[in-house]
Amino acid sequence: MAALAALAVTKVQSLVGDAGESVAGYSARLAAANLMASEVHREARSSAPGNAPEADRLNRRLGSRCVRVPLIFADTGGTTVWKPGIFAGAAGRRSDPPRWSALPSCAFAGPR
């Protein structure tokens, strides 16, 4: 009987340990997804397009990277929100200085 009780205790401890590792791994993946989205966000905010076509290219490239975050970290159940930047200058002309009138952004939202 004592051996059976010891085996049951060992099994429960193993299950609790596995659950703890799983939660820690999930938290790390959630943090990594948030970090990746933050990196895209910082790059988007620091970009300075010189003209409208360049702004479009930046929006497409950075938007694509932002949208990939929840695909890479699908197990987290999170999503991202991409807001493209709006170019300040006239179409086809260089802006002086190059700038966004509305900054682009990427944000990660964990599961609800």
PDB file of N, CA and C in Angstrom:
ATOM      1  N   MET A   1       0.813  -1.179   0.000  1.00  0.00           N
ATOM      2  CA  MET A   1       0.000   0.000   0.000  1.00  0.00           C
ATOM      3  C   MET A   1       0.867   1.259   0.000  1.00  0.00           C
ATOM      4  N   ALA A   2       1.962   1.225   0.783  1.00  0.00           N
ATOM      5  CA  ALA A   2       2.857   2.380   0.869  1.00  0.00           C
ATOM      6  C   ALA A   2       3.504   2.640  -0.489  1.00  0.00           C
ATOM      7  N   ALA A   3       3.845   1.572  -1.197  1.00  0.00           N
ATOM      8  CA  ALA A   3       4.470   1.729  -2.521  1.00  0.00           C
ATOM      9  C   ALA A   3       3.490   2.376  -3.498  1.00  0.00           C
ATOM     10  N   LEU A   4       2.228   1.967  -3.424  1.00  0.00           N
ATOM     11  CA  LEU A   4       1.206   2.548  -4.295  1.00  0.00           C
ATOM     12  C   LEU A   4       0.993   4.034  -3.981  1.00  0.00           C
ATOM     13  N   ALA A   5       0.994   4.397  -2.718  1.00  0.00           N
ATOM     14  CA  ALA A   5       0.851   5.795  -2.315  1.00  0.00           C
ATOM     15  C   ALA A   5       2.049   6.617  -2.785  1.00  0.00           C
ATOM     16  N   ALA A   6       3.242   6.048  -2.672  1.00  0.00           N
ATOM     17  CA  ALA A   6       4.454   6.743  -3.111  1.00  0.00           C
ATOM     18  C   ALA A   6       4.414   6.954  -4.623  1.00  0.00           C
ATOM     19  N   LEU A   7       3.954   5.952  -5.354  1.00  0.00           N
ATOM     20  CA  LEU A   7       3.843   6.067  -6.809  1.00  0.00           C
ATOM     21  C   LEU A   7       2.838   7.159  -7.186  1.00  0.00           C
ATOM     22  N   ALA A   8       1.718   7.232  -6.470  1.00  0.00           N
ATOM     23  CA  ALA A   8       0.705   8.251  -6.740  1.00  0.00           C
ATOM     24  C   ALA A   8       1.252   9.649  -6.472  1.00  0.00           C
ATOM     25  N   VAL A   9       1.996   9.807  -5.377  1.00  0.00           N
ATOM     26  CA  VAL A   9       2.595  11.102  -5.044  1.00  0.00           C
ATOM     27  C   VAL A   9       3.591  11.511  -6.118  1.00  0.00           C
ATOM     28  N   THR A  10       4.399  10.577  -6.561  1.00  0.00           N
ATOM     29  CA  THR A  10       5.395  10.853  -7.610  1.00  0.00           C
ATOM     30  C   THR A  10       4.706  11.279  -8.901  1.00  0.00           C
ATOM     31  N   LYS A  11       3.626  10.595  -9.251  1.00  0.00           N
ATOM     32  CA  LYS A  11       2.895  10.929 -10.480  1.00  0.00           C
ATOM     33  C   LYS A  11       2.288  12.333 -10.393  1.00  0.00           C
ATOM     34  N   VAL A  12       1.684  12.680  -9.261  1.00  0.00           N
ATOM     35  CA  VAL A  12       1.090  14.004  -9.079  1.00  0.00           C
ATOM     36  C   VAL A  12       2.169  15.077  -9.151  1.00  0.00           C
ATOM     37  N   GLN A  13       3.319  14.847  -8.511  1.00  0.00           N
ATOM     38  CA  GLN A  13       4.415  15.815  -8.556  1.00  0.00           C
ATOM     39  C   GLN A  13       4.911  16.010  -9.987  1.00  0.00           C
ATOM     40  N   SER A  14       4.966  14.937 -10.739  1.00  0.00           N
ATOM     41  CA  SER A  14       5.398  15.016 -12.138  1.00  0.00           C
ATOM     42  C   SER A  14       4.422  15.846 -12.957  1.00  0.00           C
ATOM     43  N   LEU A  15       3.129  15.609 -12.759  1.00  0.00           N
ATOM     44  CA  LEU A  15       2.116  16.377 -13.487  1.00  0.00           C
ATOM     45  C   LEU A  15       2.161  17.857 -13.133  1.00  0.00           C
ATOM     46  N   VAL A  16       2.328  18.160 -11.841  1.00  0.00           N
ATOM     47  CA  VAL A  16       2.407  19.554 -11.399  1.00  0.00           C
ATOM     48  C   VAL A  16       3.649  20.212 -11.989  1.00  0.00           C
ATOM     49  N   GLY A  17       4.757  19.508 -12.016  1.00  0.00           N
ATOM     50  CA  GLY A  17       5.989  20.045 -12.598  1.00  0.00           C
ATOM     51  C   GLY A  17       5.837  20.326 -14.081  1.00  0.00           C
ATOM     52  N   ASP A  18       5.194  19.392 -14.814  1.00  0.00           N
ATOM     53  CA  ASP A  18       4.967  19.598 -16.247  1.00  0.00           C
ATOM     54  C   ASP A  18       4.077  20.806 -16.502  1.00  0.00           C
ATOM     55  N   ALA A  19       3.063  20.976 -15.685  1.00  0.00           N
ATOM     56  CA  ALA A  19       2.160  22.123 -15.849  1.00  0.00           C
ATOM     57  C   ALA A  19       2.901  23.423 -15.595  1.00  0.00           C
ATOM     58  N   GLY A  20       3.783  23.429 -14.598  1.00  0.00           N
ATOM     59  CA  GLY A  20       4.571  24.625 -14.300  1.00  0.00           C
ATOM     60  C   GLY A  20       5.490  24.993 -15.448  1.00  0.00           C
ATOM     61  N   GLU A  21       6.129  23.997 -16.045  1.00  0.00           N
ATOM     62  CA  GLU A  21       7.004  24.247 -17.194  1.00  0.00           C
ATOM     63  C   GLU A  21       6.211  24.747 -18.381  1.00  0.00           C
ATOM     64  N   SER A  22       5.023  24.202 -18.570  1.00  0.00           N
ATOM     65  CA  SER A  22       4.174  24.614 -19.684  1.00  0.00           C
ATOM     66  C   SER A  22       3.749  26.078 -19.534  1.00  0.00           C
ATOM     67  N   VAL A  23       3.377  26.479 -18.324  1.00  0.00           N
ATOM     68  CA  VAL A  23       2.976  27.863 -18.074  1.00  0.00           C
ATOM     69  C   VAL A  23       4.169  28.797 -18.279  1.00  0.00           C
ATOM     70  N   ALA A  24       5.342  28.404 -17.807  1.00  0.00           N
ATOM     71  CA  ALA A  24       6.538  29.234 -17.977  1.00  0.00           C
ATOM     72  C   ALA A  24       6.879  29.372 -19.457  1.00  0.00           C
ATOM     73  N   GLY A  25       6.770  28.291 -20.213  1.00  0.00           N
ATOM     74  CA  GLY A  25       7.043  28.342 -21.655  1.00  0.00           C
ATOM     75  C   GLY A  25       6.056  29.229 -22.377  1.00  0.00           C
ATOM     76  N   TYR A  26       4.800  29.153 -21.990  1.00  0.00           N
ATOM     77  CA  TYR A  26       3.764  29.984 -22.602  1.00  0.00           C
ATOM     78  C   TYR A  26       4.030  31.455 -22.315  1.00  0.00           C
ATOM     79  N   SER A  27       4.379  31.764 -21.075  1.00  0.00           N
ATOM     80  CA  SER A  27       4.668  33.156 -20.704  1.00  0.00           C
ATOM     81  C   SER A  27       5.858  33.691 -21.486  1.00  0.00           C
ATOM     82  N   ALA A  28       6.859  32.858 -21.672  1.00  0.00           N
ATOM     83  CA  ALA A  28       8.034  33.279 -22.436  1.00  0.00           C
ATOM     84  C   ALA A  28       7.662  33.536 -23.891  1.00  0.00           C
ATOM     85  N   ARG A  29       6.814  32.705 -24.472  1.00  0.00           N
ATOM     86  CA  ARG A  29       6.391  32.901 -25.867  1.00  0.00           C
ATOM     87  C   ARG A  29       5.531  34.154 -26.004  1.00  0.00           C
ATOM     88  N   LEU A  30       4.692  34.421 -25.020  1.00  0.00           N
ATOM     89  CA  LEU A  30       3.890  35.643 -25.031  1.00  0.00           C
ATOM     90  C   LEU A  30       4.788  36.870 -24.965  1.00  0.00           C
ATOM     91  N   ALA A  31       5.797  36.820 -24.107  1.00  0.00           N
ATOM     92  CA  ALA A  31       6.747  37.934 -23.988  1.00  0.00           C
ATOM     93  C   ALA A  31       7.526  38.115 -25.286  1.00  0.00           C
ATOM     94  N   ALA A  32       7.913  37.015 -25.923  1.00  0.00           N
ATOM     95  CA  ALA A  32       8.654  37.092 -27.183  1.00  0.00           C
ATOM     96  C   ALA A  32       7.792  37.693 -28.288  1.00  0.00           C
ATOM     97  N   ALA A  33       6.519  37.342 -28.337  1.00  0.00           N
ATOM     98  CA  ALA A  33       5.608  37.906 -29.341  1.00  0.00           C
ATOM     99  C   ALA A  33       5.446  39.405 -29.120  1.00  0.00           C
ATOM    100  N   ASN A  34       5.297  39.799 -27.871  1.00  0.00           N
ATOM    101  CA  ASN A  34       5.165  41.216 -27.545  1.00  0.00           C
ATOM    102  C   ASN A  34       6.438  41.972 -27.920  1.00  0.00           C
ATOM    103  N   LEU A  35       7.590  41.376 -27.665  1.00  0.00           N
ATOM    104  CA  LEU A  35       8.866  41.992 -28.009  1.00  0.00           C
ATOM    105  C   LEU A  35       9.015  42.152 -29.519  1.00  0.00           C
ATOM    106  N   MET A  36       8.631  41.136 -30.270  1.00  0.00           N
ATOM    107  CA  MET A  36       8.729  41.193 -31.728  1.00  0.00           C
ATOM    108  C   MET A  36       7.833  42.306 -32.290  1.00  0.00           C
ATOM    109  N   ALA A  37       6.608  42.406 -31.796  1.00  0.00           N
ATOM    110  CA  ALA A  37       5.704  43.470 -32.242  1.00  0.00           C
ATOM    111  C   ALA A  37       6.241  44.840 -31.844  1.00  0.00           C
ATOM    112  N   SER A  38       6.835  44.939 -30.662  1.00  0.00           N
ATOM    113  CA  SER A  38       7.413  46.201 -30.214  1.00  0.00           C
ATOM    114  C   SER A  38       8.577  46.626 -31.103  1.00  0.00           C
ATOM    115  N   GLU A  39       9.344  45.654 -31.560  1.00  0.00           N
ATOM    116  CA  GLU A  39      10.471  45.947 -32.450  1.00  0.00           C
ATOM    117  C   GLU A  39       9.965  46.515 -33.783  1.00  0.00           C
ATOM    118  N   VAL A  40       8.919  45.912 -34.327  1.00  0.00           N
ATOM    119  CA  VAL A  40       8.324  46.423 -35.567  1.00  0.00           C
ATOM    120  C   VAL A  40       7.782  47.832 -35.322  1.00  0.00           C
ATOM    121  N   HIS A  41       7.135  48.023 -34.187  1.00  0.00           N
ATOM    122  CA  HIS A  41       6.567  49.324 -33.834  1.00  0.00           C
ATOM    123  C   HIS A  41       7.659  50.400 -33.771  1.00  0.00           C
ATOM    124  N   ARG A  42       8.757  50.091 -33.084  1.00  0.00           N
ATOM    125  CA  ARG A  42       9.854  51.063 -32.973  1.00  0.00           C
ATOM    126  C   ARG A  42      10.436  51.395 -34.340  1.00  0.00           C
ATOM    127  N   GLU A  43      10.628  50.376 -35.174  1.00  0.00           N
ATOM    128  CA  GLU A  43      11.159  50.618 -36.512  1.00  0.00           C
ATOM    129  C   GLU A  43      10.196  51.476 -37.333  1.00  0.00           C
ATOM    130  N   ALA A  44       8.910  51.203 -37.211  1.00  0.00           N
ATOM    131  CA  ALA A  44       7.917  51.982 -37.955  1.00  0.00           C
ATOM    132  C   ALA A  44       7.928  53.432 -37.496  1.00  0.00           C
ATOM    133  N   ARG A  45       8.005  53.654 -36.195  1.00  0.00           N
ATOM    134  CA  ARG A  45       7.988  55.013 -35.656  1.00  0.00           C
ATOM    135  C   ARG A  45       9.245  55.792 -36.019  1.00  0.00           C
ATOM    136  N   SER A  46      10.360  55.106 -36.188  1.00  0.00           N
ATOM    137  CA  SER A  46      11.606  55.810 -36.480  1.00  0.00           C
ATOM    138  C   SER A  46      11.838  55.989 -37.982  1.00  0.00           C
ATOM    139  N   SER A  47      11.000  55.397 -38.814  1.00  0.00           N
ATOM    140  CA  SER A  47      11.168  55.530 -40.256  1.00  0.00           C
ATOM    141  C   SER A  47      10.739  56.922 -40.709  1.00  0.00           C
ATOM    142  N   ALA A  48      11.371  57.390 -41.774  1.00  0.00           N
ATOM    143  CA  ALA A  48      11.043  58.715 -42.308  1.00  0.00           C
ATOM    144  C   ALA A  48      11.010  58.628 -43.836  1.00  0.00           C
ATOM    145  N   PRO A  49       9.853  58.335 -44.405  1.00  0.00           N
ATOM    146  CA  PRO A  49       9.770  58.208 -45.859  1.00  0.00           C
ATOM    147  C   PRO A  49       9.981  59.552 -46.550  1.00  0.00           C
ATOM    148  N   GLY A  50      10.660  59.511 -47.682  1.00  0.00           N
ATOM    149  CA  GLY A  50      10.928  60.738 -48.417  1.00  0.00           C
ATOM    150  C   GLY A  50       9.818  61.125 -49.366  1.00  0.00           C
ATOM    151  N   ASN A  51       9.011  60.138 -49.785  1.00  0.00           N
ATOM    152  CA  ASN A  51       7.910  60.440 -50.706  1.00  0.00           C
ATOM    153  C   ASN A  51       6.810  59.390 -50.524  1.00  0.00           C
ATOM    154  N   ALA A  52       5.689  59.586 -51.212  1.00  0.00           N
ATOM    155  CA  ALA A  52       4.531  58.697 -51.038  1.00  0.00           C
ATOM    156  C   ALA A  52       4.821  57.245 -51.437  1.00  0.00           C
ATOM    157  N   PRO A  53       5.511  56.976 -52.567  1.00  0.00           N
ATOM    158  CA  PRO A  53       5.801  55.578 -52.900  1.00  0.00           C
ATOM    159  C   PRO A  53       6.672  54.891 -51.841  1.00  0.00           C
ATOM    160  N   GLU A  54       7.623  55.639 -51.297  1.00  0.00           N
ATOM    161  CA  GLU A  54       8.467  55.074 -50.248  1.00  0.00           C
ATOM    162  C   GLU A  54       7.638  54.795 -48.991  1.00  0.00           C
ATOM    163  N   ALA A  55       6.709  55.671 -48.683  1.00  0.00           N
ATOM    164  CA  ALA A  55       5.823  55.464 -47.530  1.00  0.00           C
ATOM    165  C   ALA A  55       4.972  54.218 -47.741  1.00  0.00           C
ATOM    166  N   ASP A  56       4.483  54.020 -48.955  1.00  0.00           N
ATOM    167  CA  ASP A  56       3.702  52.818 -49.263  1.00  0.00           C
ATOM    168  C   ASP A  56       4.543  51.558 -49.081  1.00  0.00           C
ATOM    169  N   ARG A  57       5.782  51.582 -49.567  1.00  0.00           N
ATOM    170  CA  ARG A  57       6.673  50.424 -49.404  1.00  0.00           C
ATOM    171  C   ARG A  57       6.927  50.134 -47.926  1.00  0.00           C
ATOM    172  N   LEU A  58       7.194  51.182 -47.149  1.00  0.00           N
ATOM    173  CA  LEU A  58       7.407  50.993 -45.711  1.00  0.00           C
ATOM    174  C   LEU A  58       6.161  50.418 -45.043  1.00  0.00           C
ATOM    175  N   ASN A  59       5.000  50.950 -45.363  1.00  0.00           N
ATOM    176  CA  ASN A  59       3.754  50.436 -44.790  1.00  0.00           C
ATOM    177  C   ASN A  59       3.551  48.965 -45.121  1.00  0.00           C
ATOM    178  N   ARG A  60       3.809  48.577 -46.369  1.00  0.00           N
ATOM    179  CA  ARG A  60       3.624  47.175 -46.772  1.00  0.00           C
ATOM    180  C   ARG A  60       4.618  46.263 -46.060  1.00  0.00           C
ATOM    181  N   ARG A  61       5.897  46.674 -46.043  1.00  0.00           N
ATOM    182  CA  ARG A  61       6.936  45.830 -45.441  1.00  0.00           C
ATOM    183  C   ARG A  61       6.719  45.680 -43.930  1.00  0.00           C
ATOM    184  N   LEU A  62       6.521  46.789 -43.257  1.00  0.00           N
ATOM    185  CA  LEU A  62       6.357  46.731 -41.806  1.00  0.00           C
ATOM    186  C   LEU A  62       5.006  46.128 -41.418  1.00  0.00           C
ATOM    187  N   GLY A  63       3.979  46.408 -42.192  1.00  0.00           N
ATOM    188  CA  GLY A  63       2.679  45.800 -41.933  1.00  0.00           C
ATOM    189  C   GLY A  63       2.726  44.291 -42.067  1.00  0.00           C
ATOM    190  N   SER A  64       3.462  43.822 -43.072  1.00  0.00           N
ATOM    191  CA  SER A  64       3.619  42.380 -43.270  1.00  0.00           C
ATOM    192  C   SER A  64       4.336  41.747 -42.086  1.00  0.00           C
ATOM    193  N   ARG A  65       5.360  42.412 -41.583  1.00  0.00           N
ATOM    194  CA  ARG A  65       6.079  41.894 -40.419  1.00  0.00           C
ATOM    195  C   ARG A  65       5.186  41.878 -39.187  1.00  0.00           C
ATOM    196  N   CYS A  66       4.374  42.908 -39.014  1.00  0.00           N
ATOM    197  CA  CYS A  66       3.477  42.981 -37.862  1.00  0.00           C
ATOM    198  C   CYS A  66       2.444  41.852 -37.904  1.00  0.00           C
ATOM    199  N   VAL A  67       1.891  41.611 -39.084  1.00  0.00           N
ATOM    200  CA  VAL A  67       0.859  40.583 -39.251  1.00  0.00           C
ATOM    201  C   VAL A  67       1.422  39.177 -39.030  1.00  0.00           C
ATOM    202  N   ARG A  68       2.722  39.003 -39.263  1.00  0.00           N
ATOM    203  CA  ARG A  68       3.340  37.675 -39.078  1.00  0.00           C
ATOM    204  C   ARG A  68       3.524  37.300 -37.614  1.00  0.00           C
ATOM    205  N   VAL A  69       3.558  38.265 -36.712  1.00  0.00           N
ATOM    206  CA  VAL A  69       3.813  37.965 -35.289  1.00  0.00           C
ATOM    207  C   VAL A  69       2.853  36.908 -34.749  1.00  0.00           C
ATOM    208  N   PRO A  70       1.521  37.072 -34.878  1.00  0.00           N
ATOM    209  CA  PRO A  70       0.642  36.031 -34.326  1.00  0.00           C
ATOM    210  C   PRO A  70       0.718  34.711 -35.091  1.00  0.00           C
ATOM    211  N   LEU A  71       1.231  34.727 -36.318  1.00  0.00           N
ATOM    212  CA  LEU A  71       1.416  33.464 -37.047  1.00  0.00           C
ATOM    213  C   LEU A  71       2.607  32.704 -36.485  1.00  0.00           C
ATOM    214  N   ILE A  72       3.669  33.430 -36.174  1.00  0.00           N
ATOM    215  CA  ILE A  72       4.869  32.808 -35.608  1.00  0.00           C
ATOM    216  C   ILE A  72       4.587  32.292 -34.195  1.00  0.00           C
ATOM    217  N   PHE A  73       3.800  33.051 -33.448  1.00  0.00           N
ATOM    218  CA  PHE A  73       3.486  32.688 -32.064  1.00  0.00           C
ATOM    219  C   PHE A  73       2.015  32.277 -31.944  1.00  0.00           C
ATOM    220  N   ALA A  74       1.564  31.427 -32.845  1.00  0.00           N
ATOM    221  CA  ALA A  74       0.157  31.012 -32.899  1.00  0.00           C
ATOM    222  C   ALA A  74      -0.309  30.344 -31.603  1.00  0.00           C
ATOM    223  N   ASP A  75       0.589  29.668 -30.914  1.00  0.00           N
ATOM    224  CA  ASP A  75       0.213  28.978 -29.682  1.00  0.00           C
ATOM    225  C   ASP A  75      -0.175  29.928 -28.555  1.00  0.00           C
ATOM    226  N   THR A  76       0.140  31.221 -28.691  1.00  0.00           N
ATOM    227  CA  THR A  76      -0.215  32.180 -27.632  1.00  0.00           C
ATOM    228  C   THR A  76      -1.658  32.641 -27.737  1.00  0.00           C
ATOM    229  N   GLY A  77      -2.257  32.514 -28.917  1.00  0.00           N
ATOM    230  CA  GLY A  77      -3.632  32.966 -29.104  1.00  0.00           C
ATOM    231  C   GLY A  77      -3.746  34.477 -29.224  1.00  0.00           C
ATOM    232  N   GLY A  78      -2.612  35.160 -29.397  1.00  0.00           N
ATOM    233  CA  GLY A  78      -2.615  36.616 -29.492  1.00  0.00           C
ATOM    234  C   GLY A  78      -2.871  37.111 -30.913  1.00  0.00           C
ATOM    235  N   THR A  79      -3.083  38.401 -31.027  1.00  0.00           N
ATOM    236  CA  THR A  79      -3.289  39.043 -32.325  1.00  0.00           C
ATOM    237  C   THR A  79      -2.466  40.328 -32.370  1.00  0.00           C
ATOM    238  N   THR A  80      -2.306  40.866 -33.572  1.00  0.00           N
ATOM    239  CA  THR A  80      -1.658  42.158 -33.705  1.00  0.00           C
ATOM    240  C   THR A  80      -2.600  43.121 -34.409  1.00  0.00           C
ATOM    241  N   VAL A  81      -2.360  44.387 -34.174  1.00  0.00           N
ATOM    242  CA  VAL A  81      -3.101  45.444 -34.845  1.00  0.00           C
ATOM    243  C   VAL A  81      -2.070  46.316 -35.552  1.00  0.00           C
ATOM    244  N   TRP A  82      -2.195  46.427 -36.869  1.00  0.00           N
ATOM    245  CA  TRP A  82      -1.295  47.267 -37.660  1.00  0.00           C
ATOM    246  C   TRP A  82      -2.062  48.496 -38.126  1.00  0.00           C
ATOM    247  N   LYS A  83      -1.505  49.658 -37.850  1.00  0.00           N
ATOM    248  CA  LYS A  83      -2.066  50.914 -38.346  1.00  0.00           C
ATOM    249  C   LYS A  83      -1.026  51.536 -39.261  1.00  0.00           C
ATOM    250  N   PRO A  84      -1.297  51.570 -40.561  1.00  0.00           N
ATOM    251  CA  PRO A  84      -0.313  52.135 -41.492  1.00  0.00           C
ATOM    252  C   PRO A  84      -0.142  53.635 -41.270  1.00  0.00           C
ATOM    253  N   GLY A  85       1.051  54.103 -41.580  1.00  0.00           N
ATOM    254  CA  GLY A  85       1.328  55.529 -41.473  1.00  0.00           C
ATOM    255  C   GLY A  85       0.707  56.296 -42.628  1.00  0.00           C
ATOM    256  N   ILE A  86       0.488  57.570 -42.417  1.00  0.00           N
ATOM    257  CA  ILE A  86      -0.037  58.439 -43.462  1.00  0.00           C
ATOM    258  C   ILE A  86       1.052  59.451 -43.789  1.00  0.00           C
ATOM    259  N   PHE A  87       1.427  59.497 -45.059  1.00  0.00           N
ATOM    260  CA  PHE A  87       2.513  60.363 -45.493  1.00  0.00           C
ATOM    261  C   PHE A  87       2.073  61.828 -45.463  1.00  0.00           C
ATOM    262  N   ALA A  88       2.989  62.700 -45.037  1.00  0.00           N
ATOM    263  CA  ALA A  88       2.662  64.114 -44.877  1.00  0.00           C
ATOM    264  C   ALA A  88       2.769  64.924 -46.168  1.00  0.00           C
ATOM    265  N   GLY A  89       3.589  64.480 -47.106  1.00  0.00           N
ATOM    266  CA  GLY A  89       3.835  65.285 -48.307  1.00  0.00           C
ATOM    267  C   GLY A  89       2.830  65.032 -49.414  1.00  0.00           C
ATOM    268  N   ALA A  90       2.978  65.774 -50.480  1.00  0.00           N
ATOM    269  CA  ALA A  90       2.134  65.607 -51.662  1.00  0.00           C
ATOM    270  C   ALA A  90       2.582  64.373 -52.437  1.00  0.00           C
ATOM    271  N   ALA A  91       1.643  63.706 -53.063  1.00  0.00           N
ATOM    272  CA  ALA A  91       1.954  62.491 -53.829  1.00  0.00           C
ATOM    273  C   ALA A  91       2.952  62.806 -54.937  1.00  0.00           C
ATOM    274  N   GLY A  92       3.975  61.984 -55.065  1.00  0.00           N
ATOM    275  CA  GLY A  92       4.960  62.137 -56.128  1.00  0.00           C
ATOM    276  C   GLY A  92       6.045  63.154 -55.840  1.00  0.00           C
ATOM    277  N   ARG A  93       5.940  63.898 -54.742  1.00  0.00           N
ATOM    278  CA  ARG A  93       6.969  64.885 -54.426  1.00  0.00           C
ATOM    279  C   ARG A  93       7.643  64.539 -53.105  1.00  0.00           C
ATOM    280  N   ARG A  94       8.887  64.957 -53.000  1.00  0.00           N
ATOM    281  CA  ARG A  94       9.624  64.725 -51.757  1.00  0.00           C
ATOM    282  C   ARG A  94       9.120  65.688 -50.690  1.00  0.00           C
ATOM    283  N   SER A  95       8.985  65.169 -49.499  1.00  0.00           N
ATOM    284  CA  SER A  95       8.547  65.985 -48.371  1.00  0.00           C
ATOM    285  C   SER A  95       9.773  66.657 -47.759  1.00  0.00           C
ATOM    286  N   ASP A  96       9.621  67.869 -47.309  1.00  0.00           N
ATOM    287  CA  ASP A  96      10.748  68.568 -46.704  1.00  0.00           C
ATOM    288  C   ASP A  96      10.328  69.087 -45.340  1.00  0.00           C
ATOM    289  N   PRO A  97      10.721  68.523 -44.244  1.00  0.00           N
ATOM    290  CA  PRO A  97      11.497  67.293 -44.118  1.00  0.00           C
ATOM    291  C   PRO A  97      10.601  66.066 -44.310  1.00  0.00           C
ATOM    292  N   PRO A  98      11.223  64.920 -44.635  1.00  0.00           N
ATOM    293  CA  PRO A  98      10.414  63.700 -44.791  1.00  0.00           C
ATOM    294  C   PRO A  98       9.747  63.353 -43.460  1.00  0.00           C
ATOM    295  N   ARG A  99       8.453  63.084 -43.504  1.00  0.00           N
ATOM    296  CA  ARG A  99       7.765  62.775 -42.249  1.00  0.00           C
ATOM    297  C   ARG A  99       6.393  62.137 -42.499  1.00  0.00           C
ATOM    298  N   TRP A 100       5.883  61.554 -41.433  1.00  0.00           N
ATOM    299  CA  TRP A 100       4.531  61.006 -41.414  1.00  0.00           C
ATOM    300  C   TRP A 100       3.611  62.066 -40.822  1.00  0.00           C
ATOM    301  N   SER A 101       2.395  62.179 -41.323  1.00  0.00           N
ATOM    302  CA  SER A 101       1.416  63.024 -40.627  1.00  0.00           C
ATOM    303  C   SER A 101       0.710  62.197 -39.561  1.00  0.00           C
ATOM    304  N   ALA A 102       0.635  60.889 -39.759  1.00  0.00           N
ATOM    305  CA  ALA A 102       0.150  59.944 -38.742  1.00  0.00           C
ATOM    306  C   ALA A 102       1.139  58.782 -38.734  1.00  0.00           C
ATOM    307  N   LEU A 103       1.736  58.538 -37.574  1.00  0.00           N
ATOM    308  CA  LEU A 103       2.775  57.506 -37.455  1.00  0.00           C
ATOM    309  C   LEU A 103       2.186  56.107 -37.577  1.00  0.00           C
ATOM    310  N   PRO A 104       2.928  55.195 -38.220  1.00  0.00           N
ATOM    311  CA  PRO A 104       2.485  53.804 -38.260  1.00  0.00           C
ATOM    312  C   PRO A 104       2.682  53.157 -36.887  1.00  0.00           C
ATOM    313  N   SER A 105       1.947  52.088 -36.618  1.00  0.00           N
ATOM    314  CA  SER A 105       2.117  51.386 -35.355  1.00  0.00           C
ATOM    315  C   SER A 105       1.759  49.910 -35.465  1.00  0.00           C
ATOM    316  N   CYS A 106       2.406  49.125 -34.611  1.00  0.00           N
ATOM    317  CA  CYS A 106       2.140  47.696 -34.505  1.00  0.00           C
ATOM    318  C   CYS A 106       1.978  47.391 -33.021  1.00  0.00           C
ATOM    319  N   ALA A 107       0.890  46.730 -32.661  1.00  0.00           N
ATOM    320  CA  ALA A 107       0.656  46.389 -31.257  1.00  0.00           C
ATOM    321  C   ALA A 107       0.217  44.936 -31.153  1.00  0.00           C
ATOM    322  N   PHE A 108       0.745  44.242 -30.170  1.00  0.00           N
ATOM    323  CA  PHE A 108       0.389  42.853 -29.901  1.00  0.00           C
ATOM    324  C   PHE A 108      -0.600  42.821 -28.745  1.00  0.00           C
ATOM    325  N   ALA A 109      -1.642  42.038 -28.904  1.00  0.00           N
ATOM    326  CA  ALA A 109      -2.625  41.842 -27.841  1.00  0.00           C
ATOM    327  C   ALA A 109      -2.700  40.363 -27.527  1.00  0.00           C
ATOM    328  N   GLY A 110      -2.468  40.023 -26.287  1.00  0.00           N
ATOM    329  CA  GLY A 110      -2.541  38.624 -25.875  1.00  0.00           C
ATOM    330  C   GLY A 110      -3.977  38.113 -25.895  1.00  0.00           C
ATOM    331  N   PRO A 111      -4.159  36.845 -25.606  1.00  0.00           N
ATOM    332  CA  PRO A 111      -5.501  36.263 -25.622  1.00  0.00           C
ATOM    333  C   PRO A 111      -6.404  36.892 -24.574  1.00  0.00           C
ATOM    334  N   ARG A 112      -7.684  36.842 -24.840  1.00  0.00           N
ATOM    335  CA  ARG A 112      -8.642  37.401 -23.871  1.00  0.00           C
ATOM    336  C   ARG A 112      -9.298  36.300 -23.103  1.00  0.00           C
TER     337      ARG A 112
END
